[in-house]
Amino acid sequence: MIQFHFRQLLEDKEFKEKRSILINEIAEKTGISRVTISKISHSKGHYKPNVEIIEKLCLFFGCTPNDLMTIIPEEGERKRKLKDKPKRETS
């Protein structure tokens, strides 16, 4: 699951620039559709943007992908990784 930090980055940018920033402005400056920005802004981890969108948002916010999002393994995925992990040989 991907957890986006879009809202926090937006709040930080608004605070630094001492102004409100609308979705329309982000769309115009990045070339990302308003619908896509809204999906990212309200995402509960189900929206998976492509690399181009991640790059455009990072350029807009002046951040890295790690600042924009965090990957959180889902419970089933964690169990699979532990199950598939090779066992160490003991002597």
PDB file of N, CA and C in Angstrom:
ATOM      1  N   MET A   1       0.853  -1.160   0.000  1.00  0.00           N
ATOM      2  CA  MET A   1       0.000   0.000   0.000  1.00  0.00           C
ATOM      3  C   MET A   1       0.910   1.238   0.000  1.00  0.00           C
ATOM      4  N   ILE A   2       0.491   2.255  -0.711  1.00  0.00           N
ATOM      5  CA  ILE A   2       1.244   3.505  -0.751  1.00  0.00           C
ATOM      6  C   ILE A   2       0.509   4.545   0.086  1.00  0.00           C
ATOM      7  N   GLN A   3       1.223   5.128   1.035  1.00  0.00           N
ATOM      8  CA  GLN A   3       0.670   6.213   1.836  1.00  0.00           C
ATOM      9  C   GLN A   3       1.272   7.512   1.312  1.00  0.00           C
ATOM     10  N   PHE A   4       0.423   8.404   0.821  1.00  0.00           N
ATOM     11  CA  PHE A   4       0.885   9.674   0.291  1.00  0.00           C
ATOM     12  C   PHE A   4       0.930  10.725   1.393  1.00  0.00           C
ATOM     13  N   HIS A   5       1.910  11.606   1.284  1.00  0.00           N
ATOM     14  CA  HIS A   5       2.056  12.719   2.226  1.00  0.00           C
ATOM     15  C   HIS A   5       1.721  14.027   1.509  1.00  0.00           C
ATOM     16  N   PHE A   6       0.839  13.925   0.537  1.00  0.00           N
ATOM     17  CA  PHE A   6       0.467  15.060  -0.312  1.00  0.00           C
ATOM     18  C   PHE A   6      -0.059  16.225   0.507  1.00  0.00           C
ATOM     19  N   ARG A   7      -0.998  15.955   1.380  1.00  0.00           N
ATOM     20  CA  ARG A   7      -1.631  17.031   2.164  1.00  0.00           C
ATOM     21  C   ARG A   7      -0.620  17.756   3.042  1.00  0.00           C
ATOM     22  N   GLN A   8       0.273  16.992   3.668  1.00  0.00           N
ATOM     23  CA  GLN A   8       1.291  17.608   4.518  1.00  0.00           C
ATOM     24  C   GLN A   8       2.245  18.467   3.692  1.00  0.00           C
ATOM     25  N   LEU A   9       2.654  17.959   2.532  1.00  0.00           N
ATOM     26  CA  LEU A   9       3.533  18.738   1.659  1.00  0.00           C
ATOM     27  C   LEU A   9       2.839  20.012   1.190  1.00  0.00           C
ATOM     28  N   LEU A  10       1.554  19.902   0.882  1.00  0.00           N
ATOM     29  CA  LEU A  10       0.795  21.067   0.448  1.00  0.00           C
ATOM     30  C   LEU A  10       0.692  22.099   1.578  1.00  0.00           C
ATOM     31  N   GLU A  11       0.385  21.632   2.774  1.00  0.00           N
ATOM     32  CA  GLU A  11       0.301  22.538   3.919  1.00  0.00           C
ATOM     33  C   GLU A  11       1.642  23.224   4.178  1.00  0.00           C
ATOM     34  N   ASP A  12       2.721  22.478   4.081  1.00  0.00           N
ATOM     35  CA  ASP A  12       4.060  23.046   4.285  1.00  0.00           C
ATOM     36  C   ASP A  12       4.374  24.110   3.237  1.00  0.00           C
ATOM     37  N   LYS A  13       4.026  23.823   1.979  1.00  0.00           N
ATOM     38  CA  LYS A  13       4.277  24.774   0.888  1.00  0.00           C
ATOM     39  C   LYS A  13       3.430  26.041   1.083  1.00  0.00           C
ATOM     40  N   GLU A  14       2.184  25.862   1.464  1.00  0.00           N
ATOM     41  CA  GLU A  14       1.315  27.018   1.714  1.00  0.00           C
ATOM     42  C   GLU A  14       1.867  27.872   2.860  1.00  0.00           C
ATOM     43  N   PHE A  15       2.343  27.220   3.892  1.00  0.00           N
ATOM     44  CA  PHE A  15       2.896  27.948   5.037  1.00  0.00           C
ATOM     45  C   PHE A  15       4.139  28.733   4.625  1.00  0.00           C
ATOM     46  N   LYS A  16       5.045  28.079   3.882  1.00  0.00           N
ATOM     47  CA  LYS A  16       6.277  28.742   3.445  1.00  0.00           C
ATOM     48  C   LYS A  16       5.992  29.933   2.544  1.00  0.00           C
ATOM     49  N   GLU A  17       5.008  29.757   1.652  1.00  0.00           N
ATOM     50  CA  GLU A  17       4.686  30.805   0.685  1.00  0.00           C
ATOM     51  C   GLU A  17       3.627  31.776   1.213  1.00  0.00           C
ATOM     52  N   LYS A  18       3.104  31.508   2.392  1.00  0.00           N
ATOM     53  CA  LYS A  18       2.091  32.361   3.035  1.00  0.00           C
ATOM     54  C   LYS A  18       0.892  32.630   2.127  1.00  0.00           C
ATOM     55  N   ARG A  19       0.380  31.562   1.528  1.00  0.00           N
ATOM     56  CA  ARG A  19      -0.782  31.677   0.643  1.00  0.00           C
ATOM     57  C   ARG A  19      -1.447  30.318   0.481  1.00  0.00           C
ATOM     58  N   SER A  20      -2.685  30.337   0.000  1.00  0.00           N
ATOM     59  CA  SER A  20      -3.398  29.096  -0.301  1.00  0.00           C
ATOM     60  C   SER A  20      -3.040  28.637  -1.707  1.00  0.00           C
ATOM     61  N   ILE A  21      -2.944  27.335  -1.867  1.00  0.00           N
ATOM     62  CA  ILE A  21      -2.661  26.758  -3.181  1.00  0.00           C
ATOM     63  C   ILE A  21      -3.818  25.832  -3.527  1.00  0.00           C
ATOM     64  N   LEU A  22      -4.464  26.101  -4.644  1.00  0.00           N
ATOM     65  CA  LEU A  22      -5.607  25.306  -5.073  1.00  0.00           C
ATOM     66  C   LEU A  22      -5.168  24.149  -5.969  1.00  0.00           C
ATOM     67  N   ILE A  23      -5.992  23.134  -6.013  1.00  0.00           N
ATOM     68  CA  ILE A  23      -5.751  21.977  -6.881  1.00  0.00           C
ATOM     69  C   ILE A  23      -5.579  22.436  -8.331  1.00  0.00           C
ATOM     70  N   ASN A  24      -6.377  23.421  -8.746  1.00  0.00           N
ATOM     71  CA  ASN A  24      -6.274  23.929 -10.118  1.00  0.00           C
ATOM     72  C   ASN A  24      -4.869  24.441 -10.419  1.00  0.00           C
ATOM     73  N   GLU A  25      -4.270  25.134  -9.471  1.00  0.00           N
ATOM     74  CA  GLU A  25      -2.921  25.662  -9.668  1.00  0.00           C
ATOM     75  C   GLU A  25      -1.906  24.524  -9.807  1.00  0.00           C
ATOM     76  N   ILE A  26      -2.037  23.525  -8.970  1.00  0.00           N
ATOM     77  CA  ILE A  26      -1.129  22.374  -9.042  1.00  0.00           C
ATOM     78  C   ILE A  26      -1.282  21.692 -10.400  1.00  0.00           C
ATOM     79  N   ALA A  27      -2.526  21.529 -10.840  1.00  0.00           N
ATOM     80  CA  ALA A  27      -2.792  20.903 -12.138  1.00  0.00           C
ATOM     81  C   ALA A  27      -2.158  21.700 -13.282  1.00  0.00           C
ATOM     82  N   GLU A  28      -2.326  23.007 -13.247  1.00  0.00           N
ATOM     83  CA  GLU A  28      -1.762  23.855 -14.302  1.00  0.00           C
ATOM     84  C   GLU A  28      -0.245  23.799 -14.321  1.00  0.00           C
ATOM     85  N   LYS A  29       0.373  23.867 -13.152  1.00  0.00           N
ATOM     86  CA  LYS A  29       1.838  23.910 -13.075  1.00  0.00           C
ATOM     87  C   LYS A  29       2.505  22.561 -13.328  1.00  0.00           C
ATOM     88  N   THR A  30       1.800  21.477 -13.056  1.00  0.00           N
ATOM     89  CA  THR A  30       2.404  20.152 -13.215  1.00  0.00           C
ATOM     90  C   THR A  30       1.956  19.427 -14.478  1.00  0.00           C
ATOM     91  N   GLY A  31       0.796  19.819 -15.007  1.00  0.00           N
ATOM     92  CA  GLY A  31       0.246  19.085 -16.150  1.00  0.00           C
ATOM     93  C   GLY A  31      -0.481  17.814 -15.733  1.00  0.00           C
ATOM     94  N   ILE A  32      -0.688  17.645 -14.449  1.00  0.00           N
ATOM     95  CA  ILE A  32      -1.422  16.487 -13.927  1.00  0.00           C
ATOM     96  C   ILE A  32      -2.887  16.890 -13.818  1.00  0.00           C
ATOM     97  N   SER A  33      -3.784  15.999 -14.220  1.00  0.00           N
ATOM     98  CA  SER A  33      -5.208  16.340 -14.178  1.00  0.00           C
ATOM     99  C   SER A  33      -5.682  16.557 -12.741  1.00  0.00           C
ATOM    100  N   ARG A  34      -6.703  17.384 -12.601  1.00  0.00           N
ATOM    101  CA  ARG A  34      -7.297  17.644 -11.282  1.00  0.00           C
ATOM    102  C   ARG A  34      -7.814  16.356 -10.653  1.00  0.00           C
ATOM    103  N   VAL A  35      -8.367  15.488 -11.474  1.00  0.00           N
ATOM    104  CA  VAL A  35      -8.917  14.215 -10.984  1.00  0.00           C
ATOM    105  C   VAL A  35      -7.803  13.373 -10.366  1.00  0.00           C
ATOM    106  N   THR A  36      -6.669  13.293 -11.049  1.00  0.00           N
ATOM    107  CA  THR A  36      -5.545  12.507 -10.547  1.00  0.00           C
ATOM    108  C   THR A  36      -5.008  13.099  -9.251  1.00  0.00           C
ATOM    109  N   ILE A  37      -4.864  14.416  -9.201  1.00  0.00           N
ATOM    110  CA  ILE A  37      -4.395  15.069  -7.978  1.00  0.00           C
ATOM    111  C   ILE A  37      -5.357  14.807  -6.829  1.00  0.00           C
ATOM    112  N   SER A  38      -6.638  14.866  -7.113  1.00  0.00           N
ATOM    113  CA  SER A  38      -7.646  14.603  -6.090  1.00  0.00           C
ATOM    114  C   SER A  38      -7.549  13.160  -5.591  1.00  0.00           C
ATOM    115  N   LYS A  39      -7.333  12.213  -6.516  1.00  0.00           N
ATOM    116  CA  LYS A  39      -7.191  10.807  -6.116  1.00  0.00           C
ATOM    117  C   LYS A  39      -5.999  10.626  -5.190  1.00  0.00           C
ATOM    118  N   ILE A  40      -4.888  11.282  -5.517  1.00  0.00           N
ATOM    119  CA  ILE A  40      -3.697  11.175  -4.672  1.00  0.00           C
ATOM    120  C   ILE A  40      -3.943  11.838  -3.324  1.00  0.00           C
ATOM    121  N   SER A  41      -4.559  12.992  -3.342  1.00  0.00           N
ATOM    122  CA  SER A  41      -4.828  13.743  -2.120  1.00  0.00           C
ATOM    123  C   SER A  41      -5.720  12.977  -1.148  1.00  0.00           C
ATOM    124  N   HIS A  42      -6.673  12.238  -1.687  1.00  0.00           N
ATOM    125  CA  HIS A  42      -7.639  11.519  -0.855  1.00  0.00           C
ATOM    126  C   HIS A  42      -7.393  10.019  -0.807  1.00  0.00           C
ATOM    127  N   SER A  43      -6.254   9.588  -1.328  1.00  0.00           N
ATOM    128  CA  SER A  43      -5.958   8.166  -1.441  1.00  0.00           C
ATOM    129  C   SER A  43      -5.867   7.481  -0.088  1.00  0.00           C
ATOM    130  N   LYS A  44      -6.411   6.298  -0.041  1.00  0.00           N
ATOM    131  CA  LYS A  44      -6.281   5.446   1.137  1.00  0.00           C
ATOM    132  C   LYS A  44      -5.322   4.297   0.816  1.00  0.00           C
ATOM    133  N   GLY A  45      -4.419   4.553  -0.124  1.00  0.00           N
ATOM    134  CA  GLY A  45      -3.429   3.549  -0.479  1.00  0.00           C
ATOM    135  C   GLY A  45      -3.762   2.732  -1.701  1.00  0.00           C
ATOM    136  N   HIS A  46      -4.865   3.034  -2.360  1.00  0.00           N
ATOM    137  CA  HIS A  46      -5.279   2.230  -3.499  1.00  0.00           C
ATOM    138  C   HIS A  46      -4.857   2.821  -4.837  1.00  0.00           C
ATOM    139  N   TYR A  47      -4.533   4.108  -4.871  1.00  0.00           N
ATOM    140  CA  TYR A  47      -4.119   4.737  -6.121  1.00  0.00           C
ATOM    141  C   TYR A  47      -2.614   4.563  -6.293  1.00  0.00           C
ATOM    142  N   LYS A  48      -2.217   4.094  -7.476  1.00  0.00           N
ATOM    143  CA  LYS A  48      -0.815   3.865  -7.761  1.00  0.00           C
ATOM    144  C   LYS A  48      -0.404   4.705  -8.973  1.00  0.00           C
ATOM    145  N   PRO A  49       0.225   5.866  -8.722  1.00  0.00           N
ATOM    146  CA  PRO A  49       0.605   6.751  -9.817  1.00  0.00           C
ATOM    147  C   PRO A  49       1.821   6.210 -10.577  1.00  0.00           C
ATOM    148  N   ASN A  50       1.960   6.689 -11.818  1.00  0.00           N
ATOM    149  CA  ASN A  50       3.137   6.285 -12.573  1.00  0.00           C
ATOM    150  C   ASN A  50       4.319   7.173 -12.189  1.00  0.00           C
ATOM    151  N   VAL A  51       5.488   6.822 -12.684  1.00  0.00           N
ATOM    152  CA  VAL A  51       6.717   7.528 -12.328  1.00  0.00           C
ATOM    153  C   VAL A  51       6.670   8.987 -12.768  1.00  0.00           C
ATOM    154  N   GLU A  52       6.052   9.256 -13.897  1.00  0.00           N
ATOM    155  CA  GLU A  52       5.965  10.629 -14.407  1.00  0.00           C
ATOM    156  C   GLU A  52       5.192  11.525 -13.433  1.00  0.00           C
ATOM    157  N   ILE A  53       4.109  11.026 -12.891  1.00  0.00           N
ATOM    158  CA  ILE A  53       3.304  11.798 -11.938  1.00  0.00           C
ATOM    159  C   ILE A  53       4.092  12.029 -10.659  1.00  0.00           C
ATOM    160  N   ILE A  54       4.774  11.015 -10.185  1.00  0.00           N
ATOM    161  CA  ILE A  54       5.594  11.156  -8.975  1.00  0.00           C
ATOM    162  C   ILE A  54       6.661  12.222  -9.205  1.00  0.00           C
ATOM    163  N   GLU A  55       7.313  12.164 -10.363  1.00  0.00           N
ATOM    164  CA  GLU A  55       8.358  13.138 -10.681  1.00  0.00           C
ATOM    165  C   GLU A  55       7.804  14.566 -10.715  1.00  0.00           C
ATOM    166  N   LYS A  56       6.667  14.757 -11.366  1.00  0.00           N
ATOM    167  CA  LYS A  56       6.070  16.095 -11.465  1.00  0.00           C
ATOM    168  C   LYS A  56       5.690  16.649 -10.093  1.00  0.00           C
ATOM    169  N   LEU A  57       5.127  15.806  -9.238  1.00  0.00           N
ATOM    170  CA  LEU A  57       4.761  16.263  -7.899  1.00  0.00           C
ATOM    171  C   LEU A  57       6.003  16.581  -7.066  1.00  0.00           C
ATOM    172  N   CYS A  58       7.036  15.769  -7.202  1.00  0.00           N
ATOM    173  CA  CYS A  58       8.279  16.041  -6.465  1.00  0.00           C
ATOM    174  C   CYS A  58       8.903  17.355  -6.922  1.00  0.00           C
ATOM    175  N   LEU A  59       8.867  17.631  -8.210  1.00  0.00           N
ATOM    176  CA  LEU A  59       9.389  18.904  -8.712  1.00  0.00           C
ATOM    177  C   LEU A  59       8.553  20.067  -8.199  1.00  0.00           C
ATOM    178  N   PHE A  60       7.240  19.917  -8.177  1.00  0.00           N
ATOM    179  CA  PHE A  60       6.356  20.979  -7.692  1.00  0.00           C
ATOM    180  C   PHE A  60       6.623  21.287  -6.218  1.00  0.00           C
ATOM    181  N   PHE A  61       6.739  20.234  -5.405  1.00  0.00           N
ATOM    182  CA  PHE A  61       6.920  20.422  -3.970  1.00  0.00           C
ATOM    183  C   PHE A  61       8.389  20.607  -3.576  1.00  0.00           C
ATOM    184  N   GLY A  62       9.309  20.340  -4.514  1.00  0.00           N
ATOM    185  CA  GLY A  62      10.727  20.433  -4.187  1.00  0.00           C
ATOM    186  C   GLY A  62      11.132  19.364  -3.192  1.00  0.00           C
ATOM    187  N   CYS A  63      10.680  18.130  -3.456  1.00  0.00           N
ATOM    188  CA  CYS A  63      10.931  17.041  -2.521  1.00  0.00           C
ATOM    189  C   CYS A  63      11.401  15.798  -3.265  1.00  0.00           C
ATOM    190  N   THR A  64      11.663  14.752  -2.519  1.00  0.00           N
ATOM    191  CA  THR A  64      12.034  13.463  -3.096  1.00  0.00           C
ATOM    192  C   THR A  64      10.825  12.530  -3.052  1.00  0.00           C
ATOM    193  N   PRO A  65      10.857  11.414  -3.789  1.00  0.00           N
ATOM    194  CA  PRO A  65       9.752  10.449  -3.690  1.00  0.00           C
ATOM    195  C   PRO A  65       9.543   9.947  -2.260  1.00  0.00           C
ATOM    196  N   ASN A  66      10.621   9.847  -1.487  1.00  0.00           N
ATOM    197  CA  ASN A  66      10.478   9.415  -0.087  1.00  0.00           C
ATOM    198  C   ASN A  66       9.720  10.432   0.745  1.00  0.00           C
ATOM    199  N   ASP A  67       9.801  11.708   0.368  1.00  0.00           N
ATOM    200  CA  ASP A  67       9.034  12.737   1.074  1.00  0.00           C
ATOM    201  C   ASP A  67       7.566  12.693   0.667  1.00  0.00           C
ATOM    202  N   LEU A  68       7.317  12.299  -0.577  1.00  0.00           N
ATOM    203  CA  LEU A  68       5.967  12.289  -1.138  1.00  0.00           C
ATOM    204  C   LEU A  68       5.145  11.084  -0.689  1.00  0.00           C
ATOM    205  N   MET A  69       5.816   9.957  -0.520  1.00  0.00           N
ATOM    206  CA  MET A  69       5.064   8.743  -0.225  1.00  0.00           C
ATOM    207  C   MET A  69       5.900   7.754   0.562  1.00  0.00           C
ATOM    208  N   THR A  70       5.192   6.846   1.224  1.00  0.00           N
ATOM    209  CA  THR A  70       5.806   5.757   1.962  1.00  0.00           C
ATOM    210  C   THR A  70       5.108   4.485   1.526  1.00  0.00           C
ATOM    211  N   ILE A  71       5.889   3.435   1.308  1.00  0.00           N
ATOM    212  CA  ILE A  71       5.303   2.141   0.956  1.00  0.00           C
ATOM    213  C   ILE A  71       5.152   1.340   2.245  1.00  0.00           C
ATOM    214  N   ILE A  72       3.929   0.935   2.497  1.00  0.00           N
ATOM    215  CA  ILE A  72       3.616   0.164   3.702  1.00  0.00           C
ATOM    216  C   ILE A  72       3.158  -1.220   3.250  1.00  0.00           C
ATOM    217  N   PRO A  73       3.935  -2.260   3.559  1.00  0.00           N
ATOM    218  CA  PRO A  73       3.514  -3.608   3.147  1.00  0.00           C
ATOM    219  C   PRO A  73       2.187  -3.971   3.790  1.00  0.00           C
ATOM    220  N   GLU A  74       1.336  -4.584   3.005  1.00  0.00           N
ATOM    221  CA  GLU A  74       0.050  -5.022   3.541  1.00  0.00           C
ATOM    222  C   GLU A  74       0.265  -6.296   4.350  1.00  0.00           C
ATOM    223  N   GLU A  75      -0.635  -6.596   5.260  1.00  0.00           N
ATOM    224  CA  GLU A  75      -0.473  -7.716   6.185  1.00  0.00           C
ATOM    225  C   GLU A  75      -0.200  -9.032   5.457  1.00  0.00           C
ATOM    226  N   GLY A  76      -0.969  -9.345   4.433  1.00  0.00           N
ATOM    227  CA  GLY A  76      -0.775 -10.589   3.675  1.00  0.00           C
ATOM    228  C   GLY A  76       0.581 -10.617   2.987  1.00  0.00           C
ATOM    229  N   GLU A  77       1.027  -9.471   2.523  1.00  0.00           N
ATOM    230  CA  GLU A  77       2.319  -9.364   1.846  1.00  0.00           C
ATOM    231  C   GLU A  77       3.456  -9.614   2.829  1.00  0.00           C
ATOM    232  N   ARG A  78       3.333  -9.102   4.046  1.00  0.00           N
ATOM    233  CA  ARG A  78       4.358  -9.317   5.074  1.00  0.00           C
ATOM    234  C   ARG A  78       4.484 -10.798   5.402  1.00  0.00           C
ATOM    235  N   LYS A  79       3.344 -11.469   5.538  1.00  0.00           N
ATOM    236  CA  LYS A  79       3.361 -12.891   5.869  1.00  0.00           C
ATOM    237  C   LYS A  79       4.002 -13.697   4.748  1.00  0.00           C
ATOM    238  N   ARG A  80       3.690 -13.343   3.479  1.00  0.00           N
ATOM    239  CA  ARG A  80       4.289 -14.046   2.338  1.00  0.00           C
ATOM    240  C   ARG A  80       5.794 -13.874   2.334  1.00  0.00           C
ATOM    241  N   LYS A  81       6.265 -12.651   2.589  1.00  0.00           N
ATOM    242  CA  LYS A  81       7.703 -12.391   2.587  1.00  0.00           C
ATOM    243  C   LYS A  81       8.402 -13.207   3.666  1.00  0.00           C
ATOM    244  N   LEU A  82       7.792 -13.289   4.839  1.00  0.00           N
ATOM    245  CA  LEU A  82       8.396 -14.070   5.906  1.00  0.00           C
ATOM    246  C   LEU A  82       8.394 -15.551   5.567  1.00  0.00           C
ATOM    247  N   LYS A  83       7.326 -16.021   4.964  1.00  0.00           N
ATOM    248  CA  LYS A  83       7.198 -17.435   4.575  1.00  0.00           C
ATOM    249  C   LYS A  83       8.191 -17.786   3.484  1.00  0.00           C
ATOM    250  N   ASP A  84       8.379 -16.880   2.507  1.00  0.00           N
ATOM    251  CA  ASP A  84       9.262 -17.136   1.376  1.00  0.00           C
ATOM    252  C   ASP A  84      10.731 -16.873   1.681  1.00  0.00           C
ATOM    253  N   LYS A  85      11.026 -16.311   2.826  1.00  0.00           N
ATOM    254  CA  LYS A  85      12.403 -15.971   3.187  1.00  0.00           C
ATOM    255  C   LYS A  85      13.202 -17.263   3.338  1.00  0.00           C
ATOM    256  N   PRO A  86      14.368 -17.338   2.665  1.00  0.00           N
ATOM    257  CA  PRO A  86      15.158 -18.567   2.767  1.00  0.00           C
ATOM    258  C   PRO A  86      15.654 -18.787   4.190  1.00  0.00           C
ATOM    259  N   LYS A  87      15.649 -20.057   4.598  1.00  0.00           N
ATOM    260  CA  LYS A  87      16.095 -20.390   5.932  1.00  0.00           C
ATOM    261  C   LYS A  87      17.622 -20.512   5.930  1.00  0.00           C
ATOM    262  N   ARG A  88      18.212 -20.096   7.030  1.00  0.00           N
ATOM    263  CA  ARG A  88      19.666 -20.198   7.159  1.00  0.00           C
ATOM    264  C   ARG A  88      20.052 -21.635   7.487  1.00  0.00           C
ATOM    265  N   GLU A  89      21.140 -22.015   6.892  1.00  0.00           N
ATOM    266  CA  GLU A  89      21.664 -23.351   7.209  1.00  0.00           C
ATOM    267  C   GLU A  89      22.476 -23.250   8.463  1.00  0.00           C
ATOM    268  N   THR A  90      22.341 -24.227   9.318  1.00  0.00           N
ATOM    269  CA  THR A  90      23.135 -24.258  10.547  1.00  0.00           C
ATOM    270  C   THR A  90      24.124 -25.406  10.473  1.00  0.00           C
ATOM    271  N   SER A  91      25.271 -25.211  11.030  1.00  0.00           N
ATOM    272  CA  SER A  91      26.313 -26.242  10.989  1.00  0.00           C
ATOM    273  C   SER A  91      26.351 -27.029  12.266  1.00  0.00           C
TER     274      SER A  91
END
